[in-house]
Amino acid sequence: MKVLLIIIVFNFASGSELNTRRDFVDEPTCHAAALQAFREVDENVEIRAMHIPEGQEMLEGTMIAYGTEGGEIGMYACNPLRSSTE
């Protein structure tokens, strides 16, 4: 199984940065990589599952990263690739 990481780091000065990787063999490794990426922005980052209001669509498993002062610094999701070509 391969796992896809979609990560967005919010940068209000220069625009948000989007990155994708699909080289993970399992979801825990993907989550660890996302945490490390956010720790480069704020070493005290806190990761929480995103609350998705009923009726609104969002990528399954979307997580929000919060910085030291409680503001959102980014978001990410780790999902197994479903393509038969992988």
PDB file of N, CA and C in Angstrom:
ATOM      1  N   MET A   1       0.848  -1.174   0.000  1.00  0.00           N
ATOM      2  CA  MET A   1       0.000   0.000   0.000  1.00  0.00           C
ATOM      3  C   MET A   1       0.896   1.240   0.000  1.00  0.00           C
ATOM      4  N   LYS A   2       0.529   2.220  -0.779  1.00  0.00           N
ATOM      5  CA  LYS A   2       1.188   3.516  -0.745  1.00  0.00           C
ATOM      6  C   LYS A   2       0.197   4.535  -0.202  1.00  0.00           C
ATOM      7  N   VAL A   3       0.743   5.519   0.527  1.00  0.00           N
ATOM      8  CA  VAL A   3      -0.094   6.538   1.152  1.00  0.00           C
ATOM      9  C   VAL A   3       0.299   7.904   0.604  1.00  0.00           C
ATOM     10  N   LEU A   4      -0.707   8.699   0.297  1.00  0.00           N
ATOM     11  CA  LEU A   4      -0.539  10.039  -0.238  1.00  0.00           C
ATOM     12  C   LEU A   4      -0.656  11.056   0.894  1.00  0.00           C
ATOM     13  N   LEU A   5       0.302  11.968   0.965  1.00  0.00           N
ATOM     14  CA  LEU A   5       0.249  13.096   1.902  1.00  0.00           C
ATOM     15  C   LEU A   5      -0.021  14.357   1.098  1.00  0.00           C
ATOM     16  N   ILE A   6      -1.071  15.061   1.474  1.00  0.00           N
ATOM     17  CA  ILE A   6      -1.365  16.381   0.927  1.00  0.00           C
ATOM     18  C   ILE A   6      -1.233  17.339   2.104  1.00  0.00           C
ATOM     19  N   ILE A   7      -0.303  18.266   2.015  1.00  0.00           N
ATOM     20  CA  ILE A   7      -0.033  19.172   3.127  1.00  0.00           C
ATOM     21  C   ILE A   7      -0.025  20.610   2.630  1.00  0.00           C
ATOM     22  N   ILE A   8      -0.673  21.473   3.393  1.00  0.00           N
ATOM     23  CA  ILE A   8      -0.721  22.899   3.081  1.00  0.00           C
ATOM     24  C   ILE A   8      -0.226  23.647   4.317  1.00  0.00           C
ATOM     25  N   VAL A   9       0.818  24.451   4.132  1.00  0.00           N
ATOM     26  CA  VAL A   9       1.328  25.296   5.199  1.00  0.00           C
ATOM     27  C   VAL A   9       0.869  26.713   4.888  1.00  0.00           C
ATOM     28  N   PHE A  10       0.104  27.304   5.809  1.00  0.00           N
ATOM     29  CA  PHE A  10      -0.404  28.653   5.604  1.00  0.00           C
ATOM     30  C   PHE A  10       0.721  29.656   5.814  1.00  0.00           C
ATOM     31  N   ASN A  11       0.893  30.549   4.853  1.00  0.00           N
ATOM     32  CA  ASN A  11       1.868  31.613   4.957  1.00  0.00           C
ATOM     33  C   ASN A  11       1.176  32.866   4.441  1.00  0.00           C
ATOM     34  N   PHE A  12       0.714  33.686   5.368  1.00  0.00           N
ATOM     35  CA  PHE A  12      -0.088  34.834   4.974  1.00  0.00           C
ATOM     36  C   PHE A  12       0.746  35.935   4.323  1.00  0.00           C
ATOM     37  N   ALA A  13       2.058  35.888   4.464  1.00  0.00           N
ATOM     38  CA  ALA A  13       2.926  36.898   3.840  1.00  0.00           C
ATOM     39  C   ALA A  13       3.187  36.582   2.374  1.00  0.00           C
ATOM     40  N   SER A  14       3.450  35.310   2.067  1.00  0.00           N
ATOM     41  CA  SER A  14       3.826  34.961   0.694  1.00  0.00           C
ATOM     42  C   SER A  14       2.858  34.006   0.007  1.00  0.00           C
ATOM     43  N   GLY A  15       1.804  33.624   0.675  1.00  0.00           N
ATOM     44  CA  GLY A  15       0.851  32.671   0.099  1.00  0.00           C
ATOM     45  C   GLY A  15       1.084  31.281   0.645  1.00  0.00           C
ATOM     46  N   SER A  16       0.044  30.486   0.694  1.00  0.00           N
ATOM     47  CA  SER A  16       0.135  29.137   1.238  1.00  0.00           C
ATOM     48  C   SER A  16       0.975  28.238   0.338  1.00  0.00           C
ATOM     49  N   GLU A  17       1.654  27.290   0.964  1.00  0.00           N
ATOM     50  CA  GLU A  17       2.507  26.361   0.246  1.00  0.00           C
ATOM     51  C   GLU A  17       1.856  24.978   0.243  1.00  0.00           C
ATOM     52  N   LEU A  18       1.651  24.413  -0.935  1.00  0.00           N
ATOM     53  CA  LEU A  18       1.057  23.096  -1.098  1.00  0.00           C
ATOM     54  C   LEU A  18       2.143  22.108  -1.488  1.00  0.00           C
ATOM     55  N   ASN A  19       2.145  20.960  -0.845  1.00  0.00           N
ATOM     56  CA  ASN A  19       3.103  19.917  -1.170  1.00  0.00           C
ATOM     57  C   ASN A  19       2.382  18.574  -1.134  1.00  0.00           C
ATOM     58  N   THR A  20       2.740  17.696  -2.027  1.00  0.00           N
ATOM     59  CA  THR A  20       2.201  16.339  -2.009  1.00  0.00           C
ATOM     60  C   THR A  20       3.354  15.350  -2.092  1.00  0.00           C
ATOM     61  N   ARG A  21       3.179  14.237  -1.415  1.00  0.00           N
ATOM     62  CA  ARG A  21       4.146  13.132  -1.485  1.00  0.00           C
ATOM     63  C   ARG A  21       3.342  11.843  -1.502  1.00  0.00           C
ATOM     64  N   ARG A  22       3.848  10.854  -2.184  1.00  0.00           N
ATOM     65  CA  ARG A  22       3.152   9.569  -2.229  1.00  0.00           C
ATOM     66  C   ARG A  22       4.113   8.401  -2.037  1.00  0.00           C
ATOM     67  N   ASP A  23       5.109   8.618  -1.224  1.00  0.00           N
ATOM     68  CA  ASP A  23       6.130   7.600  -1.025  1.00  0.00           C
ATOM     69  C   ASP A  23       6.053   6.915   0.346  1.00  0.00           C
ATOM     70  N   PHE A  24       4.926   7.022   1.014  1.00  0.00           N
ATOM     71  CA  PHE A  24       4.777   6.419   2.335  1.00  0.00           C
ATOM     72  C   PHE A  24       4.203   5.010   2.219  1.00  0.00           C
ATOM     73  N   VAL A  25       4.685   4.115   3.067  1.00  0.00           N
ATOM     74  CA  VAL A  25       4.220   2.727   3.030  1.00  0.00           C
ATOM     75  C   VAL A  25       3.038   2.494   3.973  1.00  0.00           C
ATOM     76  N   ASP A  26       2.800   3.430   4.910  1.00  0.00           N
ATOM     77  CA  ASP A  26       1.652   3.300   5.808  1.00  0.00           C
ATOM     78  C   ASP A  26       1.252   4.683   6.342  1.00  0.00           C
ATOM     79  N   GLU A  27       0.067   4.744   6.932  1.00  0.00           N
ATOM     80  CA  GLU A  27      -0.440   6.027   7.415  1.00  0.00           C
ATOM     81  C   GLU A  27       0.348   6.593   8.595  1.00  0.00           C
ATOM     82  N   PRO A  28       0.785   5.780   9.576  1.00  0.00           N
ATOM     83  CA  PRO A  28       1.566   6.361  10.676  1.00  0.00           C
ATOM     84  C   PRO A  28       2.838   7.081  10.205  1.00  0.00           C
ATOM     85  N   THR A  29       3.518   6.536   9.209  1.00  0.00           N
ATOM     86  CA  THR A  29       4.717   7.175   8.674  1.00  0.00           C
ATOM     87  C   THR A  29       4.362   8.499   8.003  1.00  0.00           C
ATOM     88  N   CYS A  30       3.240   8.532   7.318  1.00  0.00           N
ATOM     89  CA  CYS A  30       2.759   9.752   6.667  1.00  0.00           C
ATOM     90  C   CYS A  30       2.438  10.824   7.714  1.00  0.00           C
ATOM     91  N   HIS A  31       1.724  10.451   8.768  1.00  0.00           N
ATOM     92  CA  HIS A  31       1.383  11.404   9.831  1.00  0.00           C
ATOM     93  C   HIS A  31       2.650  11.946  10.501  1.00  0.00           C
ATOM     94  N   ALA A  32       3.641  11.089  10.712  1.00  0.00           N
ATOM     95  CA  ALA A  32       4.901  11.517  11.327  1.00  0.00           C
ATOM     96  C   ALA A  32       5.624  12.534  10.439  1.00  0.00           C
ATOM     97  N   ALA A  33       5.600  12.330   9.138  1.00  0.00           N
ATOM     98  CA  ALA A  33       6.233  13.267   8.210  1.00  0.00           C
ATOM     99  C   ALA A  33       5.518  14.612   8.227  1.00  0.00           C
ATOM    100  N   ALA A  34       4.201  14.595   8.291  1.00  0.00           N
ATOM    101  CA  ALA A  34       3.443  15.848   8.353  1.00  0.00           C
ATOM    102  C   ALA A  34       3.766  16.595   9.644  1.00  0.00           C
ATOM    103  N   LEU A  35       3.803  15.879  10.760  1.00  0.00           N
ATOM    104  CA  LEU A  35       4.133  16.501  12.040  1.00  0.00           C
ATOM    105  C   LEU A  35       5.516  17.142  11.976  1.00  0.00           C
ATOM    106  N   GLN A  36       6.478  16.447  11.418  1.00  0.00           N
ATOM    107  CA  GLN A  36       7.832  16.988  11.304  1.00  0.00           C
ATOM    108  C   GLN A  36       7.851  18.245  10.437  1.00  0.00           C
ATOM    109  N   ALA A  37       7.095  18.245   9.358  1.00  0.00           N
ATOM    110  CA  ALA A  37       7.034  19.429   8.487  1.00  0.00           C
ATOM    111  C   ALA A  37       6.482  20.631   9.249  1.00  0.00           C
ATOM    112  N   PHE A  38       5.454  20.418  10.054  1.00  0.00           N
ATOM    113  CA  PHE A  38       4.883  21.526  10.822  1.00  0.00           C
ATOM    114  C   PHE A  38       5.793  21.945  11.968  1.00  0.00           C
ATOM    115  N   ARG A  39       6.574  21.017  12.525  1.00  0.00           N
ATOM    116  CA  ARG A  39       7.531  21.381  13.579  1.00  0.00           C
ATOM    117  C   ARG A  39       8.625  22.299  13.050  1.00  0.00           C
ATOM    118  N   GLU A  40       8.877  22.258  11.760  1.00  0.00           N
ATOM    119  CA  GLU A  40       9.843  23.186  11.162  1.00  0.00           C
ATOM    120  C   GLU A  40       9.299  24.613  11.161  1.00  0.00           C
ATOM    121  N   VAL A  41       7.968  24.744  11.207  1.00  0.00           N
ATOM    122  CA  VAL A  41       7.321  26.056  11.271  1.00  0.00           C
ATOM    123  C   VAL A  41       7.164  26.493  12.724  1.00  0.00           C
ATOM    124  N   ASP A  42       6.734  25.563  13.589  1.00  0.00           N
ATOM    125  CA  ASP A  42       6.496  25.844  15.007  1.00  0.00           C
ATOM    126  C   ASP A  42       6.759  24.560  15.788  1.00  0.00           C
ATOM    127  N   GLU A  43       7.810  24.561  16.596  1.00  0.00           N
ATOM    128  CA  GLU A  43       8.191  23.330  17.295  1.00  0.00           C
ATOM    129  C   GLU A  43       7.143  22.848  18.291  1.00  0.00           C
ATOM    130  N   ASN A  44       6.223  23.716  18.688  1.00  0.00           N
ATOM    131  CA  ASN A  44       5.171  23.343  19.634  1.00  0.00           C
ATOM    132  C   ASN A  44       3.835  23.082  18.952  1.00  0.00           C
ATOM    133  N   VAL A  45       3.877  22.705  17.680  1.00  0.00           N
ATOM    134  CA  VAL A  45       2.657  22.485  16.911  1.00  0.00           C
ATOM    135  C   VAL A  45       1.751  21.459  17.591  1.00  0.00           C
ATOM    136  N   GLU A  46       0.461  21.679  17.474  1.00  0.00           N
ATOM    137  CA  GLU A  46      -0.542  20.738  17.973  1.00  0.00           C
ATOM    138  C   GLU A  46      -1.418  20.335  16.789  1.00  0.00           C
ATOM    139  N   ILE A  47      -1.596  19.032  16.607  1.00  0.00           N
ATOM    140  CA  ILE A  47      -2.381  18.507  15.486  1.00  0.00           C
ATOM    141  C   ILE A  47      -3.722  17.992  16.019  1.00  0.00           C
ATOM    142  N   ARG A  48      -4.804  18.406  15.377  1.00  0.00           N
ATOM    143  CA  ARG A  48      -6.140  17.926  15.748  1.00  0.00           C
ATOM    144  C   ARG A  48      -6.951  17.614  14.493  1.00  0.00           C
ATOM    145  N   ALA A  49      -7.843  16.665  14.617  1.00  0.00           N
ATOM    146  CA  ALA A  49      -8.734  16.342  13.498  1.00  0.00           C
ATOM    147  C   ALA A  49      -9.622  17.543  13.202  1.00  0.00           C
ATOM    148  N   MET A  50      -9.847  17.771  11.936  1.00  0.00           N
ATOM    149  CA  MET A  50     -10.705  18.884  11.515  1.00  0.00           C
ATOM    150  C   MET A  50     -12.161  18.513  11.734  1.00  0.00           C
ATOM    151  N   HIS A  51     -12.910  19.434  12.332  1.00  0.00           N
ATOM    152  CA  HIS A  51     -14.348  19.238  12.473  1.00  0.00           C
ATOM    153  C   HIS A  51     -14.995  19.652  11.154  1.00  0.00           C
ATOM    154  N   ILE A  52     -15.712  18.730  10.549  1.00  0.00           N
ATOM    155  CA  ILE A  52     -16.357  18.997   9.263  1.00  0.00           C
ATOM    156  C   ILE A  52     -17.863  19.077   9.487  1.00  0.00           C
ATOM    157  N   PRO A  53     -18.450  20.252   9.294  1.00  0.00           N
ATOM    158  CA  PRO A  53     -19.888  20.411   9.476  1.00  0.00           C
ATOM    159  C   PRO A  53     -20.671  19.495   8.532  1.00  0.00           C
ATOM    160  N   GLU A  54     -21.795  19.021   9.014  1.00  0.00           N
ATOM    161  CA  GLU A  54     -22.635  18.133   8.212  1.00  0.00           C
ATOM    162  C   GLU A  54     -23.014  18.802   6.904  1.00  0.00           C
ATOM    163  N   GLY A  55     -22.904  18.054   5.828  1.00  0.00           N
ATOM    164  CA  GLY A  55     -23.253  18.560   4.515  1.00  0.00           C
ATOM    165  C   GLY A  55     -22.095  19.196   3.766  1.00  0.00           C
ATOM    166  N   GLN A  56     -20.986  19.428   4.446  1.00  0.00           N
ATOM    167  CA  GLN A  56     -19.814  20.019   3.793  1.00  0.00           C
ATOM    168  C   GLN A  56     -18.844  18.901   3.421  1.00  0.00           C
ATOM    169  N   GLU A  57     -18.261  18.998   2.247  1.00  0.00           N
ATOM    170  CA  GLU A  57     -17.338  17.969   1.786  1.00  0.00           C
ATOM    171  C   GLU A  57     -15.908  18.384   2.076  1.00  0.00           C
ATOM    172  N   MET A  58     -15.115  17.439   2.539  1.00  0.00           N
ATOM    173  CA  MET A  58     -13.706  17.666   2.824  1.00  0.00           C
ATOM    174  C   MET A  58     -13.014  16.325   2.691  1.00  0.00           C
ATOM    175  N   LEU A  59     -11.751  16.349   2.355  1.00  0.00           N
ATOM    176  CA  LEU A  59     -10.966  15.133   2.228  1.00  0.00           C
ATOM    177  C   LEU A  59     -10.987  14.369   3.545  1.00  0.00           C
ATOM    178  N   GLU A  60     -11.314  13.105   3.484  1.00  0.00           N
ATOM    179  CA  GLU A  60     -11.391  12.268   4.683  1.00  0.00           C
ATOM    180  C   GLU A  60     -10.071  12.296   5.439  1.00  0.00           C
ATOM    181  N   GLY A  61     -10.153  12.411   6.753  1.00  0.00           N
ATOM    182  CA  GLY A  61      -8.957  12.392   7.581  1.00  0.00           C
ATOM    183  C   GLY A  61      -8.194  13.700   7.629  1.00  0.00           C
ATOM    184  N   THR A  62      -8.824  14.802   7.240  1.00  0.00           N
ATOM    185  CA  THR A  62      -8.133  16.083   7.246  1.00  0.00           C
ATOM    186  C   THR A  62      -7.808  16.504   8.680  1.00  0.00           C
ATOM    187  N   MET A  63      -6.559  16.901   8.878  1.00  0.00           N
ATOM    188  CA  MET A  63      -6.069  17.322  10.182  1.00  0.00           C
ATOM    189  C   MET A  63      -5.644  18.786  10.095  1.00  0.00           C
ATOM    190  N   ILE A  64      -5.793  19.511  11.210  1.00  0.00           N
ATOM    191  CA  ILE A  64      -5.397  20.911  11.277  1.00  0.00           C
ATOM    192  C   ILE A  64      -4.209  21.040  12.230  1.00  0.00           C
ATOM    193  N   ALA A  65      -3.218  21.839  11.846  1.00  0.00           N
ATOM    194  CA  ALA A  65      -2.053  22.104  12.682  1.00  0.00           C
ATOM    195  C   ALA A  65      -2.211  23.494  13.299  1.00  0.00           C
ATOM    196  N   TYR A  66      -2.044  23.551  14.624  1.00  0.00           N
ATOM    197  CA  TYR A  66      -2.158  24.803  15.366  1.00  0.00           C
ATOM    198  C   TYR A  66      -0.801  25.175  15.942  1.00  0.00           C
ATOM    199  N   GLY A  67      -0.460  26.455  15.867  1.00  0.00           N
ATOM    200  CA  GLY A  67       0.809  26.946  16.386  1.00  0.00           C
ATOM    201  C   GLY A  67       0.741  27.254  17.866  1.00  0.00           C
ATOM    202  N   THR A  68       1.837  27.722  18.400  1.00  0.00           N
ATOM    203  CA  THR A  68       1.983  28.026  19.820  1.00  0.00           C
ATOM    204  C   THR A  68       0.895  28.961  20.331  1.00  0.00           C
ATOM    205  N   GLU A  69       0.529  29.934  19.531  1.00  0.00           N
ATOM    206  CA  GLU A  69      -0.470  30.920  19.959  1.00  0.00           C
ATOM    207  C   GLU A  69      -1.902  30.487  19.648  1.00  0.00           C
ATOM    208  N   GLY A  70      -2.084  29.269  19.155  1.00  0.00           N
ATOM    209  CA  GLY A  70      -3.421  28.737  18.921  1.00  0.00           C
ATOM    210  C   GLY A  70      -3.982  28.952  17.533  1.00  0.00           C
ATOM    211  N   GLY A  71      -3.285  29.695  16.692  1.00  0.00           N
ATOM    212  CA  GLY A  71      -3.772  29.930  15.331  1.00  0.00           C
ATOM    213  C   GLY A  71      -3.444  28.770  14.407  1.00  0.00           C
ATOM    214  N   GLU A  72      -4.237  28.610  13.377  1.00  0.00           N
ATOM    215  CA  GLU A  72      -4.007  27.550  12.398  1.00  0.00           C
ATOM    216  C   GLU A  72      -2.775  27.883  11.564  1.00  0.00           C
ATOM    217  N   ILE A  73      -1.854  26.908  11.449  1.00  0.00           N
ATOM    218  CA  ILE A  73      -0.663  27.124  10.630  1.00  0.00           C
ATOM    219  C   ILE A  73      -0.662  26.233   9.392  1.00  0.00           C
ATOM    220  N   GLY A  74      -1.648  25.345   9.292  1.00  0.00           N
ATOM    221  CA  GLY A  74      -1.730  24.501   8.116  1.00  0.00           C
ATOM    222  C   GLY A  74      -2.713  23.363   8.288  1.00  0.00           C
ATOM    223  N   MET A  75      -2.757  22.526   7.269  1.00  0.00           N
ATOM    224  CA  MET A  75      -3.645  21.369   7.291  1.00  0.00           C
ATOM    225  C   MET A  75      -3.040  20.275   6.425  1.00  0.00           C
ATOM    226  N   TYR A  76      -3.454  19.031   6.683  1.00  0.00           N
ATOM    227  CA  TYR A  76      -2.950  17.927   5.873  1.00  0.00           C
ATOM    228  C   TYR A  76      -3.903  16.747   5.953  1.00  0.00           C
ATOM    229  N   ALA A  77      -3.702  15.809   5.038  1.00  0.00           N
ATOM    230  CA  ALA A  77      -4.438  14.545   5.049  1.00  0.00           C
ATOM    231  C   ALA A  77      -3.515  13.451   4.521  1.00  0.00           C
ATOM    232  N   CYS A  78      -3.616  12.279   5.119  1.00  0.00           N
ATOM    233  CA  CYS A  78      -2.895  11.090   4.677  1.00  0.00           C
ATOM    234  C   CYS A  78      -3.941  10.073   4.236  1.00  0.00           C
ATOM    235  N   ASN A  79      -3.902   9.671   2.985  1.00  0.00           N
ATOM    236  CA  ASN A  79      -4.892   8.730   2.469  1.00  0.00           C
ATOM    237  C   ASN A  79      -4.235   7.671   1.590  1.00  0.00           C
ATOM    238  N   PRO A  80      -4.667   6.417   1.743  1.00  0.00           N
ATOM    239  CA  PRO A  80      -4.142   5.358   0.878  1.00  0.00           C
ATOM    240  C   PRO A  80      -4.465   5.653  -0.585  1.00  0.00           C
ATOM    241  N   LEU A  81      -3.506   5.409  -1.457  1.00  0.00           N
ATOM    242  CA  LEU A  81      -3.748   5.559  -2.884  1.00  0.00           C
ATOM    243  C   LEU A  81      -4.652   4.427  -3.335  1.00  0.00           C
ATOM    244  N   ARG A  82      -5.631   4.754  -4.125  1.00  0.00           N
ATOM    245  CA  ARG A  82      -6.591   3.755  -4.569  1.00  0.00           C
ATOM    246  C   ARG A  82      -6.378   3.348  -6.034  1.00  0.00           C
ATOM    247  N   SER A  83      -5.457   4.002  -6.702  1.00  0.00           N
ATOM    248  CA  SER A  83      -5.202   3.746  -8.099  1.00  0.00           C
ATOM    249  C   SER A  83      -4.585   2.370  -8.300  1.00  0.00           C
ATOM    250  N   SER A  84      -5.037   1.665  -9.273  1.00  0.00           N
ATOM    251  CA  SER A  84      -4.483   0.333  -9.567  1.00  0.00           C
ATOM    252  C   SER A  84      -3.132   0.437 -10.265  1.00  0.00           C
ATOM    253  N   THR A  85      -2.735   1.644 -10.682  1.00  0.00           N
ATOM    254  CA  THR A  85      -1.454   1.820 -11.360  1.00  0.00           C
ATOM    255  C   THR A  85      -0.315   2.012 -10.400  1.00  0.00           C
ATOM    256  N   GLU A  86      -0.597   2.149  -9.109  1.00  0.00           N
ATOM    257  CA  GLU A  86       0.463   2.375  -8.109  1.00  0.00           C
ATOM    258  C   GLU A  86       1.058   1.070  -7.660  1.00  0.00           C
TER     259      GLU A  86
END
